[in-house]
Amino acid sequence: MTTEKTHCLIIGSGPAGYTAAIYASRAGLKPVLYQGGQPGGQLTITNDVENFPGYPDGIQGPEMMMDFQRQAERFGADIRIGLATSVDFSGYPHKVVIDETHEITADAVIIATGASAKWLGLESESRLNGSGVSACAVCDGFFFRGQEVAIVGAGDTACEEATYLSKLCKKVYMLVRRDEMRASTIMQNRVKNTPNIEVLYNTQTLEVLGEHAVEGIRVENIATKEQKEIAVTGFFVAIGHEPNTGIFKGQLTMDENGYIITEKGSARTNVEGVFACGDAQDHVYRQAITAAGTGCMAALDAERFLAAKEIIA
């Protein structure tokens, strides 16, 4: 196994990782960033991004991430293809293995591995992802103003996103697999009291219809086995997200869902010299702009940490 030493290692790309790289580079930390399994993060499967400041006409998600990468590289960030496969934070400096073949010893580690949306696993869902299929109503709901859409889910997040969509869309079908929701009572009541939300209980999605864009869905009543097609132009999946933090379990403090816990008002974790940013530690907002903000925080925290240890001037 080859070995290497660096002051600042960033694990993961996307708005958080690239922003951390921009700030760390400008601070003279000479960061090394490994892009992970999905270079650019979730935005690379998002077509139109219209809610990020600085892009008045909107921008394609992949193009936006290339802009972030180029900006980080402009200041000297060493951005590489590779996936962190194991870590050892038990000693100092910290050790991270990339692709099971290359070990890096780092004085400061910034984790920006993000989270992945949970999907139903339908071929049609995957094929039309970004063409009417979305896992973020706040991100993409605007594109369906005045249209009819469907959303899958039964928790607080699904209720919140259904309510959000109801303010933009003509009709929202909420598909719930069981005969009741698992959301809190207040969120359920909010949905039930919204006239243009229709909740379909005992309902599962069999197929998303459409060749190049969503044209409808085929659903089945689990109790009666009756099938029907519903004409919609948008299909939102709100069955949860899973943070990409598996390799850090047992080494960093996490909540019950695997999100890394950071100190309030900072990006610091429970391990000295390890910082977390973006969706790996944020299960509330999950927006590109908030991820970028925490990426900035992580880089500034890392800079101050290294300066205090007199590792950098």
Protein backbone atom coordinates (compact mmCIF):
# COMPACT_ATOMS: atom_id res chain seq x y z
CA MET A 1 0.00 0.00 0.00
CA THR A 2 1.34 3.44 -0.92
CA THR A 3 1.40 6.19 1.70
CA GLU A 4 1.21 9.98 1.68
CA LYS A 5 1.11 12.87 4.18
CA THR A 6 -1.00 16.00 3.90
CA HIS A 7 -2.13 18.85 6.15
CA CYS A 8 -5.77 18.83 5.07
CA LEU A 9 -7.75 15.99 3.53
CA ILE A 10 -11.30 16.50 2.25
CA ILE A 11 -13.42 13.39 1.75
CA GLY A 12 -16.25 13.94 -0.73
CA SER A 13 -17.24 16.59 -3.22
CA GLY A 14 -20.51 18.43 -3.86
CA PRO A 15 -21.19 21.98 -2.60
CA ALA A 16 -19.82 21.22 0.88
CA GLY A 17 -16.59 19.54 -0.18
CA TYR A 18 -15.77 21.96 -2.98
CA THR A 19 -16.50 25.01 -0.82
CA ALA A 20 -14.27 23.58 1.90
CA ALA A 21 -11.58 23.12 -0.76
CA ILE A 22 -11.93 26.73 -1.91
CA TYR A 23 -11.52 28.13 1.60
CA ALA A 24 -8.81 25.69 2.62
CA SER A 25 -6.81 26.47 -0.52
CA ARG A 26 -7.07 30.20 0.00
CA ALA A 27 -5.87 29.68 3.57
CA GLY A 28 -2.76 27.92 2.30
CA LEU A 29 -3.67 24.48 3.62
CA LYS A 30 -2.98 22.83 0.24
CA PRO A 31 -5.95 20.49 0.60
CA VAL A 32 -6.26 17.14 -1.11
CA LEU A 33 -9.86 16.30 -2.04
CA TYR A 34 -11.14 12.88 -3.07
CA GLN A 35 -14.42 13.14 -4.96
CA GLY A 36 -15.99 9.91 -3.73
CA GLY A 37 -18.38 7.55 -5.46
CA GLN A 38 -20.51 10.34 -6.96
CA PRO A 39 -18.23 13.24 -7.97
CA GLY A 40 -20.19 16.44 -7.50
CA GLY A 41 -22.75 14.82 -5.21
CA GLN A 42 -26.52 14.76 -5.61
CA LEU A 43 -26.54 17.89 -7.77
CA THR A 44 -25.06 15.89 -10.63
CA ILE A 45 -28.46 14.18 -11.01
CA THR A 46 -30.34 17.49 -10.81
CA ASN A 47 -31.14 19.24 -14.07
CA ASP A 48 -32.14 22.82 -13.28
CA VAL A 49 -30.86 24.62 -10.19
CA GLU A 50 -32.65 27.94 -9.78
CA ASN A 51 -32.35 28.65 -6.05
CA PHE A 52 -28.59 29.04 -5.63
CA PRO A 53 -27.49 32.71 -5.38
CA GLY A 54 -25.36 34.00 -8.22
CA TYR A 55 -27.11 32.15 -11.04
CA PRO A 56 -30.00 34.48 -12.00
CA ASP A 57 -30.95 32.40 -15.03
CA GLY A 58 -30.48 29.07 -13.27
CA ILE A 59 -27.89 26.45 -14.11
CA GLN A 60 -27.66 22.73 -14.73
CA GLY A 61 -26.56 20.82 -11.62
CA PRO A 62 -23.55 19.10 -13.24
CA GLU A 63 -22.37 22.39 -14.76
CA MET A 64 -22.65 24.10 -11.39
CA MET A 65 -20.51 21.45 -9.75
CA MET A 66 -17.89 21.83 -12.48
CA ASP A 67 -17.84 25.57 -11.70
CA PHE A 68 -17.25 24.75 -8.03
CA GLN A 69 -14.47 22.33 -8.91
CA ARG A 70 -12.72 24.76 -11.26
CA GLN A 71 -12.87 27.49 -8.62
CA ALA A 72 -11.27 25.20 -6.03
CA GLU A 73 -8.58 24.14 -8.49
CA ARG A 74 -7.88 27.77 -9.35
CA PHE A 75 -6.67 28.29 -5.78
CA GLY A 76 -4.57 25.15 -5.78
CA ALA A 77 -6.81 22.39 -4.43
CA ASP A 78 -5.59 18.94 -5.43
CA ILE A 79 -8.81 17.25 -6.57
CA ARG A 80 -8.62 13.54 -7.27
CA ILE A 81 -10.85 10.66 -8.27
CA GLY A 82 -11.12 8.11 -5.48
CA LEU A 83 -13.25 6.73 -2.68
CA ALA A 84 -12.38 6.62 1.00
CA THR A 85 -12.78 2.96 2.00
CA SER A 86 -11.62 3.01 5.64
CA VAL A 87 -10.45 5.44 8.31
CA ASP A 88 -8.53 5.29 11.58
CA PHE A 89 -9.16 8.23 13.89
CA SER A 90 -7.90 6.46 17.02
CA GLY A 91 -4.53 8.19 16.90
CA TYR A 92 -3.06 11.39 15.55
CA PRO A 93 -2.44 12.29 12.79
CA HIS A 94 -5.49 10.63 11.25
CA LYS A 95 -5.28 7.86 8.68
CA VAL A 96 -7.58 7.43 5.68
CA VAL A 97 -7.34 4.67 3.07
CA ILE A 98 -8.40 5.46 -0.50
CA ASP A 99 -9.67 2.68 -2.78
CA GLU A 100 -8.13 0.15 -0.36
CA THR A 101 -4.70 0.81 -1.89
CA HIS A 102 -3.45 4.24 -0.80
CA GLU A 103 -3.10 5.47 2.79
CA ILE A 104 -3.10 9.17 3.58
CA THR A 105 -2.01 10.58 6.93
CA ALA A 106 -3.73 13.91 7.52
CA ASP A 107 -3.41 16.58 10.21
CA ALA A 108 -7.03 17.64 9.59
CA VAL A 109 -9.84 15.73 7.90
CA ILE A 110 -12.99 17.33 6.51
CA ILE A 111 -15.87 14.94 5.87
CA ALA A 112 -18.24 15.96 3.07
CA THR A 113 -19.56 12.58 2.01
CA GLY A 114 -23.18 13.75 1.80
CA ALA A 115 -26.31 11.64 1.88
CA SER A 116 -28.23 9.62 -0.67
CA ALA A 117 -31.97 9.73 -1.19
CA LYS A 118 -33.83 6.48 -0.70
CA TRP A 119 -35.71 5.36 -3.80
CA LEU A 120 -38.43 2.86 -4.53
CA GLY A 121 -36.16 0.88 -6.84
CA LEU A 122 -38.29 1.09 -9.98
CA GLU A 123 -36.58 1.04 -13.38
CA SER A 124 -38.88 3.81 -14.60
CA GLU A 125 -38.13 5.89 -11.51
CA SER A 126 -34.41 5.69 -12.21
CA ARG A 127 -34.82 6.32 -15.95
CA LEU A 128 -36.89 9.48 -15.42
CA ASN A 129 -34.84 10.83 -12.53
CA GLY A 130 -34.33 14.50 -13.34
CA SER A 131 -37.09 14.40 -15.97
CA GLY A 132 -40.01 14.74 -13.60
CA VAL A 133 -38.81 12.38 -10.87
CA SER A 134 -37.26 14.11 -7.87
CA ALA A 135 -36.37 13.49 -4.23
CA CYS A 136 -36.54 17.17 -3.25
CA ALA A 137 -39.78 19.14 -3.45
CA VAL A 138 -38.13 22.32 -2.20
CA CYS A 139 -35.50 22.04 -4.94
CA ASP A 140 -37.77 21.16 -7.86
CA GLY A 141 -41.36 22.00 -6.93
CA PHE A 142 -41.20 25.35 -8.71
CA PHE A 143 -40.98 23.63 -12.09
CA PHE A 144 -44.43 22.11 -11.58
CA ARG A 145 -46.43 25.25 -10.85
CA GLY A 146 -50.09 24.77 -11.76
CA GLN A 147 -49.59 21.07 -12.56
CA GLU A 148 -50.68 17.82 -10.92
CA VAL A 149 -48.02 15.80 -9.09
CA ALA A 150 -47.66 12.79 -6.81
CA ILE A 151 -45.50 12.27 -3.75
CA VAL A 152 -44.62 9.00 -2.02
CA GLY A 153 -44.12 8.92 1.73
CA ALA A 154 -45.86 8.87 5.08
CA GLY A 155 -43.58 10.66 7.53
CA ASP A 156 -43.19 14.26 8.63
CA THR A 157 -40.88 15.06 5.70
CA ALA A 158 -43.40 13.71 3.17
CA CYS A 159 -46.20 15.73 4.80
CA GLU A 160 -44.06 18.84 4.81
CA GLU A 161 -43.12 18.43 1.16
CA ALA A 162 -46.71 17.62 0.14
CA THR A 163 -47.86 20.81 1.86
CA TYR A 164 -45.10 22.76 0.14
CA LEU A 165 -46.12 21.36 -3.25
CA SER A 166 -49.78 22.16 -2.59
CA LYS A 167 -48.93 25.86 -2.62
CA LEU A 168 -47.45 25.54 -6.11
CA CYS A 169 -49.37 22.74 -7.77
CA LYS A 170 -52.96 22.33 -8.86
CA LYS A 171 -53.26 18.89 -7.24
CA VAL A 172 -51.02 16.71 -5.07
CA TYR A 173 -51.59 12.97 -4.72
CA MET A 174 -49.94 11.62 -1.58
CA LEU A 175 -49.28 7.88 -1.78
CA VAL A 176 -49.15 6.03 1.54
CA ARG A 177 -48.43 2.28 1.63
CA ARG A 178 -50.22 1.58 4.89
CA ASP A 179 -53.71 2.48 6.08
CA GLU A 180 -52.28 5.30 8.18
CA MET A 181 -49.38 7.75 8.18
CA ARG A 182 -46.47 7.57 10.60
CA ALA A 183 -46.15 11.38 10.65
CA SER A 184 -46.86 13.42 13.75
CA THR A 185 -50.50 14.36 14.38
CA ILE A 186 -49.94 18.04 13.62
CA MET A 187 -48.36 17.23 10.25
CA GLN A 188 -51.12 14.78 9.36
CA ASN A 189 -53.76 17.36 10.20
CA ARG A 190 -51.98 19.91 8.04
CA VAL A 191 -52.17 17.55 5.08
CA LYS A 192 -55.78 16.57 5.71
CA ASN A 193 -56.81 20.21 5.96
CA THR A 194 -55.23 21.13 2.62
CA PRO A 195 -57.98 20.90 -0.04
CA ASN A 196 -55.76 20.09 -3.04
CA ILE A 197 -53.91 17.20 -1.35
CA GLU A 198 -55.55 13.80 -1.86
CA VAL A 199 -54.14 11.02 0.31
CA LEU A 200 -54.31 7.52 -1.18
CA TYR A 201 -53.82 4.94 1.57
CA ASN A 202 -52.77 1.30 1.03
CA THR A 203 -51.23 2.44 -2.25
CA GLN A 204 -47.96 1.44 -3.84
CA THR A 205 -46.40 2.69 -7.07
CA LEU A 206 -45.82 0.03 -9.71
CA GLU A 207 -44.48 2.21 -12.51
CA VAL A 208 -43.75 5.80 -13.45
CA LEU A 209 -45.24 6.40 -16.88
CA GLY A 210 -43.61 8.36 -19.68
CA GLU A 211 -40.87 7.90 -22.26
CA HIS A 212 -38.83 11.08 -21.91
CA ALA A 213 -40.68 12.85 -19.07
CA VAL A 214 -43.19 11.88 -16.40
CA GLU A 215 -46.70 11.57 -17.80
CA GLY A 216 -48.34 9.60 -15.01
CA ILE A 217 -48.05 6.73 -12.56
CA ARG A 218 -49.54 3.27 -12.29
CA VAL A 219 -50.48 2.40 -8.73
CA GLU A 220 -52.00 -0.55 -6.92
CA ASN A 221 -54.22 -0.73 -3.86
CA ILE A 222 -52.38 -3.19 -1.64
CA ALA A 223 -55.58 -4.38 0.03
CA THR A 224 -57.79 -4.87 -3.03
CA LYS A 225 -55.06 -5.36 -5.69
CA GLU A 226 -56.95 -2.87 -7.86
CA GLN A 227 -54.68 -0.98 -10.25
CA LYS A 228 -55.19 2.40 -11.87
CA GLU A 229 -53.26 5.09 -13.70
CA ILE A 230 -53.05 8.69 -12.47
CA ALA A 231 -52.00 11.50 -14.81
CA VAL A 232 -49.23 13.57 -13.21
CA THR A 233 -46.22 15.44 -14.55
CA GLY A 234 -44.11 15.23 -11.41
CA PHE A 235 -43.27 12.32 -9.12
CA PHE A 236 -41.60 13.08 -5.78
CA VAL A 237 -40.10 10.45 -3.50
CA ALA A 238 -39.97 11.37 0.19
CA ILE A 239 -39.16 8.12 1.95
CA GLY A 240 -35.99 9.38 3.58
CA HIS A 241 -32.28 9.91 3.04
CA GLU A 242 -29.33 7.84 4.17
CA PRO A 243 -26.09 9.62 5.11
CA ASN A 244 -22.96 8.25 3.47
CA THR A 245 -21.19 7.80 6.78
CA GLY A 246 -20.81 4.03 7.12
CA ILE A 247 -17.01 4.03 7.26
CA PHE A 248 -17.06 6.42 10.24
CA LYS A 249 -19.30 4.30 12.47
CA GLY A 250 -17.64 3.46 15.77
CA GLN A 251 -15.22 6.36 15.38
CA LEU A 252 -17.45 9.44 15.27
CA THR A 253 -20.52 10.29 17.32
CA MET A 254 -23.68 9.97 15.21
CA ASP A 255 -27.41 10.16 15.74
CA GLU A 256 -29.68 7.14 15.44
CA ASN A 257 -29.90 7.60 11.66
CA GLY A 258 -26.17 7.80 11.04
CA TYR A 259 -25.80 11.57 10.68
CA ILE A 260 -22.53 12.85 12.16
CA ILE A 261 -23.07 15.07 15.18
CA THR A 262 -21.11 18.32 15.20
CA GLU A 263 -20.65 20.83 17.99
CA LYS A 264 -23.27 23.56 17.91
CA GLY A 265 -22.15 26.51 15.81
CA SER A 266 -19.19 24.67 14.33
CA ALA A 267 -18.15 21.78 12.09
CA ARG A 268 -16.15 20.05 14.84
CA THR A 269 -16.87 16.39 15.58
CA ASN A 270 -16.07 14.51 18.78
CA VAL A 271 -12.61 13.67 17.37
CA GLU A 272 -9.99 16.40 17.46
CA GLY A 273 -9.00 17.47 13.97
CA VAL A 274 -11.99 15.87 12.23
CA PHE A 275 -14.70 18.12 10.85
CA ALA A 276 -18.00 17.35 9.10
CA CYS A 277 -20.08 19.42 6.72
CA GLY A 278 -22.95 19.14 4.26
CA ASP A 279 -25.60 16.46 4.24
CA ALA A 280 -23.43 14.00 6.15
CA GLN A 281 -24.33 16.03 9.24
CA ASP A 282 -27.47 17.90 8.14
CA HIS A 283 -30.78 16.04 8.07
CA VAL A 284 -32.90 19.20 8.33
CA TYR A 285 -32.17 21.56 5.43
CA ARG A 286 -30.32 19.47 2.85
CA GLN A 287 -29.87 22.35 0.39
CA ALA A 288 -26.88 23.20 -1.77
CA ILE A 289 -26.55 26.64 -0.20
CA THR A 290 -26.55 25.31 3.38
CA ALA A 291 -24.09 22.58 2.42
CA ALA A 292 -21.77 25.21 0.95
CA GLY A 293 -22.07 27.26 4.14
CA THR A 294 -21.04 24.37 6.36
CA GLY A 295 -18.19 23.58 3.97
CA CYS A 296 -16.91 27.08 4.62
CA MET A 297 -17.27 26.52 8.37
CA ALA A 298 -15.35 23.25 8.20
CA ALA A 299 -12.43 24.82 6.34
CA LEU A 300 -12.23 27.77 8.74
CA ASP A 301 -12.41 25.43 11.74
CA ALA A 302 -9.67 23.26 10.23
CA GLU A 303 -7.48 26.30 9.57
CA ARG A 304 -7.85 27.50 13.17
CA PHE A 305 -7.16 24.01 14.48
CA LEU A 306 -3.97 23.64 12.45
CA ALA A 307 -2.82 27.15 13.42
CA ALA A 308 -3.40 26.43 17.11
CA LYS A 309 -1.28 23.29 16.81
CA GLU A 310 1.34 25.40 15.01
CA ILE A 311 1.21 23.00 12.07
CA ILE A 312 0.65 25.98 9.80
CA ALA A 313 1.71 29.59 10.32
